[in-house]
C-alpha cells in the first residue's frame, strides 16, 4: 500500500491523514515540534500511522503532502523529496506570513515558491481551497449529482494526475487549472476559494479570478 508523507500536522494535515488512513493508506506525519507531540493524533489514527521528523516523513512517503504555514516553506527538506510528487496546500496569509512582494505583485504563486525550493520534486497544488473539516465530510462517490470539485495545478502532468486520483478517492471531482503559474486562480480571496462548488461552478469561478487582489 502507498505511504503518504505528511509534513505539517495542523488542521489540513490532520484531516488528510484521517481520510487517507480510512482509505487504507499508510501515513507518516510530522510537525515542527517533534514526533512525541503527535502521540494523541497517531493514537487516534491507529496502526497505519506513525509520527516522525519532517525529514523522515519526506523520506518515507511515496509522495508527500506539504501543509505548513507559508512563511516556513523553506524549512521543508529538499533531498528526501527529490524525484517525488509533492502536494502543496499552502495559502498566503500575509497577516501570519509577513508580506511577500512577489506574491503581492502577482509575480509568482504560493506553489511556485515551493517548486522553486524543491527543484527536483514535482509540486502540485491541492487541498488549499476547502475547509479542513470538510475534507473528511464533503466527499461523495464518483458520479454523484452536483459532486463537489477541487482544483489542482502542476508543471508535471503526472503530479496533477496523482492529485486527481487522490481527490476522487477522497470523494471530489477535479478541475485542472494547468501549470503552477496559473494556480493563483484558486488562492486566497479569489472566487473559488473555500466555497462549495461543482466542477462547472469551479471552472466559472476560476475564470472570474483577478491576478492581484
C-alpha atoms as a PDB file:
ATOM      1  CA  UNK A   1       0.000   0.000   0.000  1.00  0.00           C
ATOM      2  CA  UNK A   2       1.133   3.519  -0.746  1.00  0.00           C
ATOM      3  CA  UNK A   3       2.678   5.576   2.049  1.00  0.00           C
ATOM      4  CA  UNK A   4       1.948   9.297   2.250  1.00  0.00           C
ATOM      5  CA  UNK A   5       4.467  11.535   3.971  1.00  0.00           C
ATOM      6  CA  UNK A   6       2.619  14.451   5.541  1.00  0.00           C
ATOM      7  CA  UNK A   7       4.725  17.432   6.574  1.00  0.00           C
ATOM      8  CA  UNK A   8       2.578  19.552   8.835  1.00  0.00           C
ATOM      9  CA  UNK A   9       0.013  18.237  11.312  1.00  0.00           C
ATOM     10  CA  UNK A  10      -2.304  21.207  11.594  1.00  0.00           C
ATOM     11  CA  UNK A  11      -5.960  21.193  10.574  1.00  0.00           C
ATOM     12  CA  UNK A  12      -5.397  20.275   6.922  1.00  0.00           C
ATOM     13  CA  UNK A  13      -2.594  17.791   7.555  1.00  0.00           C
ATOM     14  CA  UNK A  14      -4.581  16.009  10.249  1.00  0.00           C
ATOM     15  CA  UNK A  15      -7.709  15.873   8.079  1.00  0.00           C
ATOM     16  CA  UNK A  16      -5.814  14.475   5.101  1.00  0.00           C
ATOM     17  CA  UNK A  17      -4.223  11.902   7.400  1.00  0.00           C
ATOM     18  CA  UNK A  18      -7.602  10.823   8.795  1.00  0.00           C
ATOM     19  CA  UNK A  19      -9.139  10.332   5.362  1.00  0.00           C
ATOM     20  CA  UNK A  20      -6.030   8.650   3.958  1.00  0.00           C
ATOM     21  CA  UNK A  21      -5.930   6.107   6.795  1.00  0.00           C
ATOM     22  CA  UNK A  22      -9.652   5.471   6.332  1.00  0.00           C
ATOM     23  CA  UNK A  23      -8.925   4.672   2.675  1.00  0.00           C
ATOM     24  CA  UNK A  24      -6.127   2.274   3.592  1.00  0.00           C
ATOM     25  CA  UNK A  25      -3.043   4.405   3.058  1.00  0.00           C
ATOM     26  CA  UNK A  26      -0.094   4.267   5.409  1.00  0.00           C
ATOM     27  CA  UNK A  27       0.724   7.702   6.803  1.00  0.00           C
ATOM     28  CA  UNK A  28       3.931   9.116   8.247  1.00  0.00           C
ATOM     29  CA  UNK A  29       3.182  12.540   9.716  1.00  0.00           C
ATOM     30  CA  UNK A  30       5.397  15.253  11.154  1.00  0.00           C
ATOM     31  CA  UNK A  31       5.209  18.701  12.660  1.00  0.00           C
ATOM     32  CA  UNK A  32       7.682  21.359  13.739  1.00  0.00           C
ATOM     33  CA  UNK A  33       7.595  20.405  17.426  1.00  0.00           C
ATOM     34  CA  UNK A  34       8.726  16.790  17.241  1.00  0.00           C
ATOM     35  CA  UNK A  35       7.137  13.343  16.874  1.00  0.00           C
ATOM     36  CA  UNK A  36       6.419  12.969  20.569  1.00  0.00           C
ATOM     37  CA  UNK A  37       3.893  15.819  20.386  1.00  0.00           C
ATOM     38  CA  UNK A  38       1.823  13.826  17.878  1.00  0.00           C
ATOM     39  CA  UNK A  39       1.155  10.868  20.175  1.00  0.00           C
ATOM     40  CA  UNK A  40      -2.527  11.725  20.577  1.00  0.00           C
ATOM     41  CA  UNK A  41      -3.133  12.114  16.843  1.00  0.00           C
ATOM     42  CA  UNK A  42      -1.286   8.898  15.996  1.00  0.00           C
ATOM     43  CA  UNK A  43      -3.255   7.016  18.654  1.00  0.00           C
ATOM     44  CA  UNK A  44      -6.460   8.315  17.046  1.00  0.00           C
ATOM     45  CA  UNK A  45      -5.298   7.370  13.549  1.00  0.00           C
ATOM     46  CA  UNK A  46      -4.342   3.849  14.541  1.00  0.00           C
ATOM     47  CA  UNK A  47      -1.730   1.365  13.358  1.00  0.00           C
ATOM     48  CA  UNK A  48      -1.479   2.656   9.791  1.00  0.00           C
ATOM     49  CA  UNK A  49       0.021   5.949  11.019  1.00  0.00           C
ATOM     50  CA  UNK A  50       3.210   6.904  12.772  1.00  0.00           C
ATOM     51  CA  UNK A  51       4.867  10.144  13.781  1.00  0.00           C
ATOM     52  CA  UNK A  52       8.297  11.171  12.556  1.00  0.00           C
ATOM     53  CA  UNK A  53      10.501  14.152  11.820  1.00  0.00           C
ATOM     54  CA  UNK A  54       9.877  16.120   8.651  1.00  0.00           C
ATOM     55  CA  UNK A  55      12.928  14.574   7.032  1.00  0.00           C
ATOM     56  CA  UNK A  56      11.768  11.070   7.967  1.00  0.00           C
ATOM     57  CA  UNK A  57       8.237  11.716   6.701  1.00  0.00           C
ATOM     58  CA  UNK A  58       9.611  13.069   3.423  1.00  0.00           C
ATOM     59  CA  UNK A  59      11.846  10.013   3.010  1.00  0.00           C
ATOM     60  CA  UNK A  60       9.128   7.504   3.930  1.00  0.00           C
ATOM     61  CA  UNK A  61       6.434   8.824   1.610  1.00  0.00           C
ATOM     62  CA  UNK A  62       5.895   7.508  -1.884  1.00  0.00           C
ATOM     63  CA  UNK A  63       4.575  11.031  -2.300  1.00  0.00           C
ATOM     64  CA  UNK A  64       4.215  13.890   0.153  1.00  0.00           C
ATOM     65  CA  UNK A  65       1.733  16.482   1.305  1.00  0.00           C
ATOM     66  CA  UNK A  66       3.262  19.771   2.476  1.00  0.00           C
ATOM     67  CA  UNK A  67       0.891  21.676   4.700  1.00  0.00           C
ATOM     68  CA  UNK A  68       2.864  24.175   6.769  1.00  0.00           C
ATOM     69  CA  UNK A  69       2.486  27.941   7.153  1.00  0.00           C
ATOM     70  CA  UNK A  70       3.826  29.556   4.004  1.00  0.00           C
ATOM     71  CA  UNK A  71       6.418  31.510   5.982  1.00  0.00           C
ATOM     72  CA  UNK A  72       8.060  28.163   6.842  1.00  0.00           C
ATOM     73  CA  UNK A  73       8.205  26.665   3.357  1.00  0.00           C
ATOM     74  CA  UNK A  74      11.993  26.945   3.177  1.00  0.00           C
ATOM     75  CA  UNK A  75      12.221  24.559   6.148  1.00  0.00           C
ATOM     76  CA  UNK A  76      10.836  21.714   4.013  1.00  0.00           C
ATOM     77  CA  UNK A  77      13.590  19.104   3.490  1.00  0.00           C
ATOM     78  CA  UNK A  78      14.795  19.115  -0.094  1.00  0.00           C
ATOM     79  CA  UNK A  79      16.875  15.998  -0.676  1.00  0.00           C
ATOM     80  CA  UNK A  80      14.434  13.318   0.556  1.00  0.00           C
ATOM     81  CA  UNK A  81      11.720  14.756  -1.684  1.00  0.00           C
ATOM     82  CA  UNK A  82      13.855  14.709  -4.840  1.00  0.00           C
ATOM     83  CA  UNK A  83      12.055  12.913  -7.649  1.00  0.00           C
ATOM     84  CA  UNK A  84       8.791  12.720  -5.699  1.00  0.00           C
ATOM     85  CA  UNK A  85       5.400  14.299  -6.211  1.00  0.00           C
ATOM     86  CA  UNK A  86       4.656  16.890  -3.537  1.00  0.00           C
ATOM     87  CA  UNK A  87       1.097  18.129  -2.962  1.00  0.00           C
ATOM     88  CA  UNK A  88       1.159  21.713  -1.725  1.00  0.00           C
ATOM     89  CA  UNK A  89      -1.752  23.013   0.366  1.00  0.00           C
ATOM     90  CA  UNK A  90      -0.152  26.369   1.153  1.00  0.00           C
ATOM     91  CA  UNK A  91      -2.046  29.632   1.250  1.00  0.00           C
ATOM     92  CA  UNK A  92      -0.647  33.133   1.691  1.00  0.00           C
ATOM     93  CA  UNK A  93      -1.871  34.856   4.812  1.00  0.00           C
ATOM     94  CA  UNK A  94       0.230  37.989   4.984  1.00  0.00           C
ATOM     95  CA  UNK A  95      -1.064  38.639   8.491  1.00  0.00           C
ATOM     96  CA  UNK A  96       0.730  35.442   9.578  1.00  0.00           C
ATOM     97  CA  UNK A  97       3.452  35.062   6.971  1.00  0.00           C
ATOM     98  CA  UNK A  98       4.574  38.656   6.551  1.00  0.00           C
ATOM     99  CA  UNK A  99       4.437  40.472   3.263  1.00  0.00           C
ATOM    100  CA  UNK A 100       5.923  38.627   0.277  1.00  0.00           C
ATOM    101  CA  UNK A 101       6.239  41.218  -2.518  1.00  0.00           C
ATOM    102  CA  UNK A 102       6.435  38.650  -5.319  1.00  0.00           C
ATOM    103  CA  UNK A 103       3.001  37.361  -4.280  1.00  0.00           C
ATOM    104  CA  UNK A 104       1.534  40.803  -3.651  1.00  0.00           C
ATOM    105  CA  UNK A 105       2.659  41.892  -7.117  1.00  0.00           C
ATOM    106  CA  UNK A 106       1.402  38.774  -8.900  1.00  0.00           C
ATOM    107  CA  UNK A 107       4.877  37.688  -9.948  1.00  0.00           C
ATOM    108  CA  UNK A 108       4.647  34.126  -8.626  1.00  0.00           C
ATOM    109  CA  UNK A 109       2.319  31.787  -6.736  1.00  0.00           C
ATOM    110  CA  UNK A 110       2.485  30.050  -3.393  1.00  0.00           C
ATOM    111  CA  UNK A 111       3.067  26.692  -5.061  1.00  0.00           C
ATOM    112  CA  UNK A 112       5.588  28.281  -7.377  1.00  0.00           C
ATOM    113  CA  UNK A 113       7.636  29.281  -4.343  1.00  0.00           C
ATOM    114  CA  UNK A 114       7.618  25.705  -3.081  1.00  0.00           C
ATOM    115  CA  UNK A 115       8.550  24.358  -6.530  1.00  0.00           C
ATOM    116  CA  UNK A 116      11.500  26.755  -6.592  1.00  0.00           C
ATOM    117  CA  UNK A 117      12.558  25.467  -3.164  1.00  0.00           C
ATOM    118  CA  UNK A 118      12.173  21.839  -4.320  1.00  0.00           C
ATOM    119  CA  UNK A 119      13.728  21.962  -7.797  1.00  0.00           C
ATOM    120  CA  UNK A 120      13.953  18.186  -8.166  1.00  0.00           C
ATOM    121  CA  UNK A 121      10.404  17.484  -6.945  1.00  0.00           C
ATOM    122  CA  UNK A 122       7.112  17.643  -8.838  1.00  0.00           C
ATOM    123  CA  UNK A 123       4.854  20.069  -6.994  1.00  0.00           C
ATOM    124  CA  UNK A 124       1.091  20.092  -7.454  1.00  0.00           C
ATOM    125  CA  UNK A 125      -1.484  22.348  -5.830  1.00  0.00           C
ATOM    126  CA  UNK A 126      -4.063  20.538  -3.737  1.00  0.00           C
ATOM    127  CA  UNK A 127      -6.495  20.835  -0.819  1.00  0.00           C
ATOM    128  CA  UNK A 128      -5.846  24.570  -0.394  1.00  0.00           C
ATOM    129  CA  UNK A 129      -9.360  25.882  -1.053  1.00  0.00           C
ATOM    130  CA  UNK A 130     -11.510  23.687   1.169  1.00  0.00           C
ATOM    131  CA  UNK A 131     -12.100  23.997   4.885  1.00  0.00           C
ATOM    132  CA  UNK A 132     -10.091  21.331   6.683  1.00  0.00           C
ATOM    133  CA  UNK A 133     -13.135  19.860   8.388  1.00  0.00           C
ATOM    134  CA  UNK A 134     -14.835  19.354   5.011  1.00  0.00           C
ATOM    135  CA  UNK A 135     -12.018  17.170   3.658  1.00  0.00           C
ATOM    136  CA  UNK A 136     -13.423  14.244   5.634  1.00  0.00           C
ATOM    137  CA  UNK A 137     -17.126  15.102   5.351  1.00  0.00           C
ATOM    138  CA  UNK A 138     -17.922  16.562   1.905  1.00  0.00           C
ATOM    139  CA  UNK A 139     -16.731  13.760  -0.330  1.00  0.00           C
ATOM    140  CA  UNK A 140     -19.265  11.695  -2.305  1.00  0.00           C
ATOM    141  CA  UNK A 141     -18.947   8.754  -4.718  1.00  0.00           C
ATOM    142  CA  UNK A 142     -17.893   9.334  -8.299  1.00  0.00           C
ATOM    143  CA  UNK A 143     -20.857  10.201 -10.488  1.00  0.00           C
ATOM    144  CA  UNK A 144     -22.868  11.765  -7.667  1.00  0.00           C
ATOM    145  CA  UNK A 145     -25.005  14.625  -8.946  1.00  0.00           C
ATOM    146  CA  UNK A 146     -23.553  18.031  -8.067  1.00  0.00           C
ATOM    147  CA  UNK A 147     -20.404  16.429  -6.636  1.00  0.00           C
ATOM    148  CA  UNK A 148     -18.035  18.923  -5.064  1.00  0.00           C
ATOM    149  CA  UNK A 149     -14.946  19.732  -7.123  1.00  0.00           C
ATOM    150  CA  UNK A 150     -11.454  20.815  -6.133  1.00  0.00           C
ATOM    151  CA  UNK A 151      -8.713  22.319  -8.261  1.00  0.00           C
ATOM    152  CA  UNK A 152      -5.144  21.322  -8.902  1.00  0.00           C
ATOM    153  CA  UNK A 153      -2.256  22.710 -10.930  1.00  0.00           C
ATOM    154  CA  UNK A 154       1.231  21.456 -11.723  1.00  0.00           C
ATOM    155  CA  UNK A 155       4.033  21.771 -14.231  1.00  0.00           C
ATOM    156  CA  UNK A 156       4.090  17.955 -14.305  1.00  0.00           C
ATOM    157  CA  UNK A 157       1.102  16.050 -15.749  1.00  0.00           C
ATOM    158  CA  UNK A 158       1.830  13.008 -13.607  1.00  0.00           C
ATOM    159  CA  UNK A 159       1.603  15.134 -10.461  1.00  0.00           C
ATOM    160  CA  UNK A 160      -1.766  16.573 -11.472  1.00  0.00           C
ATOM    161  CA  UNK A 161      -2.930  13.055 -12.322  1.00  0.00           C
ATOM    162  CA  UNK A 162      -1.986  11.814  -8.856  1.00  0.00           C
ATOM    163  CA  UNK A 163      -3.935  14.638  -7.216  1.00  0.00           C
ATOM    164  CA  UNK A 164      -6.885  13.841  -9.480  1.00  0.00           C
ATOM    165  CA  UNK A 165      -6.843  10.200  -8.364  1.00  0.00           C
ATOM    166  CA  UNK A 166      -6.500  11.174  -4.717  1.00  0.00           C
ATOM    167  CA  UNK A 167      -9.326  13.708  -4.951  1.00  0.00           C
ATOM    168  CA  UNK A 168     -11.553  11.044  -6.479  1.00  0.00           C
ATOM    169  CA  UNK A 169     -10.734   8.619  -3.667  1.00  0.00           C
ATOM    170  CA  UNK A 170     -11.484  11.354  -1.147  1.00  0.00           C
ATOM    171  CA  UNK A 171     -14.810  11.977  -2.915  1.00  0.00           C
ATOM    172  CA  UNK A 172     -14.215  15.019  -5.109  1.00  0.00           C
ATOM    173  CA  UNK A 173     -14.155  15.842  -8.812  1.00  0.00           C
ATOM    174  CA  UNK A 174     -11.112  17.657 -10.171  1.00  0.00           C
ATOM    175  CA  UNK A 175     -10.603  20.759 -12.273  1.00  0.00           C
ATOM    176  CA  UNK A 176      -7.053  21.020 -13.599  1.00  0.00           C
ATOM    177  CA  UNK A 177      -6.057  24.683 -13.845  1.00  0.00           C
ATOM    178  CA  UNK A 178      -2.888  23.938 -15.803  1.00  0.00           C
ATOM    179  CA  UNK A 179       0.646  24.980 -14.873  1.00  0.00           C
ATOM    180  CA  UNK A 180       1.658  26.295 -11.451  1.00  0.00           C
ATOM    181  CA  UNK A 181       1.942  29.792 -12.877  1.00  0.00           C
ATOM    182  CA  UNK A 182      -1.862  29.805 -13.122  1.00  0.00           C
ATOM    183  CA  UNK A 183      -2.520  28.355  -9.659  1.00  0.00           C
ATOM    184  CA  UNK A 184      -3.128  31.874  -8.320  1.00  0.00           C
ATOM    185  CA  UNK A 185      -6.683  31.459  -9.604  1.00  0.00           C
ATOM    186  CA  UNK A 186      -7.528  29.268  -6.619  1.00  0.00           C
ATOM    187  CA  UNK A 187      -5.596  31.192  -3.992  1.00  0.00           C
ATOM    188  CA  UNK A 188      -6.992  33.211  -1.129  1.00  0.00           C
ATOM    189  CA  UNK A 189      -9.659  35.867  -1.769  1.00  0.00           C
ATOM    190  CA  UNK A 190     -10.460  34.618  -5.282  1.00  0.00           C
ATOM    191  CA  UNK A 191     -13.994  33.467  -6.178  1.00  0.00           C
ATOM    192  CA  UNK A 192     -13.095  29.747  -5.991  1.00  0.00           C
ATOM    193  CA  UNK A 193     -11.579  29.960  -2.517  1.00  0.00           C
ATOM    194  CA  UNK A 194     -13.249  27.883   0.243  1.00  0.00           C
ATOM    195  CA  UNK A 195     -16.716  27.756  -1.294  1.00  0.00           C
ATOM    196  CA  UNK A 196     -18.597  24.607  -2.176  1.00  0.00           C
ATOM    197  CA  UNK A 197     -18.775  24.268  -5.957  1.00  0.00           C
ATOM    198  CA  UNK A 198     -19.247  21.547  -8.531  1.00  0.00           C
ATOM    199  CA  UNK A 199     -16.882  21.211 -11.485  1.00  0.00           C
ATOM    200  CA  UNK A 200     -18.677  23.692 -13.741  1.00  0.00           C
ATOM    201  CA  UNK A 201     -19.053  26.231 -10.959  1.00  0.00           C
ATOM    202  CA  UNK A 202     -15.378  25.860 -10.128  1.00  0.00           C
ATOM    203  CA  UNK A 203     -14.402  26.439 -13.755  1.00  0.00           C
ATOM    204  CA  UNK A 204     -16.594  29.549 -13.812  1.00  0.00           C
ATOM    205  CA  UNK A 205     -15.062  30.867 -10.589  1.00  0.00           C
ATOM    206  CA  UNK A 206     -11.534  30.227 -11.817  1.00  0.00           C
ATOM    207  CA  UNK A 207     -12.324  32.257 -14.934  1.00  0.00           C
ATOM    208  CA  UNK A 208     -13.556  35.178 -12.820  1.00  0.00           C
ATOM    209  CA  UNK A 209     -10.372  35.417 -10.753  1.00  0.00           C
ATOM    210  CA  UNK A 210      -8.273  38.577 -10.798  1.00  0.00           C
ATOM    211  CA  UNK A 211      -4.463  38.308 -10.757  1.00  0.00           C
ATOM    212  CA  UNK A 212      -3.998  40.620  -7.794  1.00  0.00           C
ATOM    213  CA  UNK A 213      -6.474  41.296  -5.015  1.00  0.00           C
END
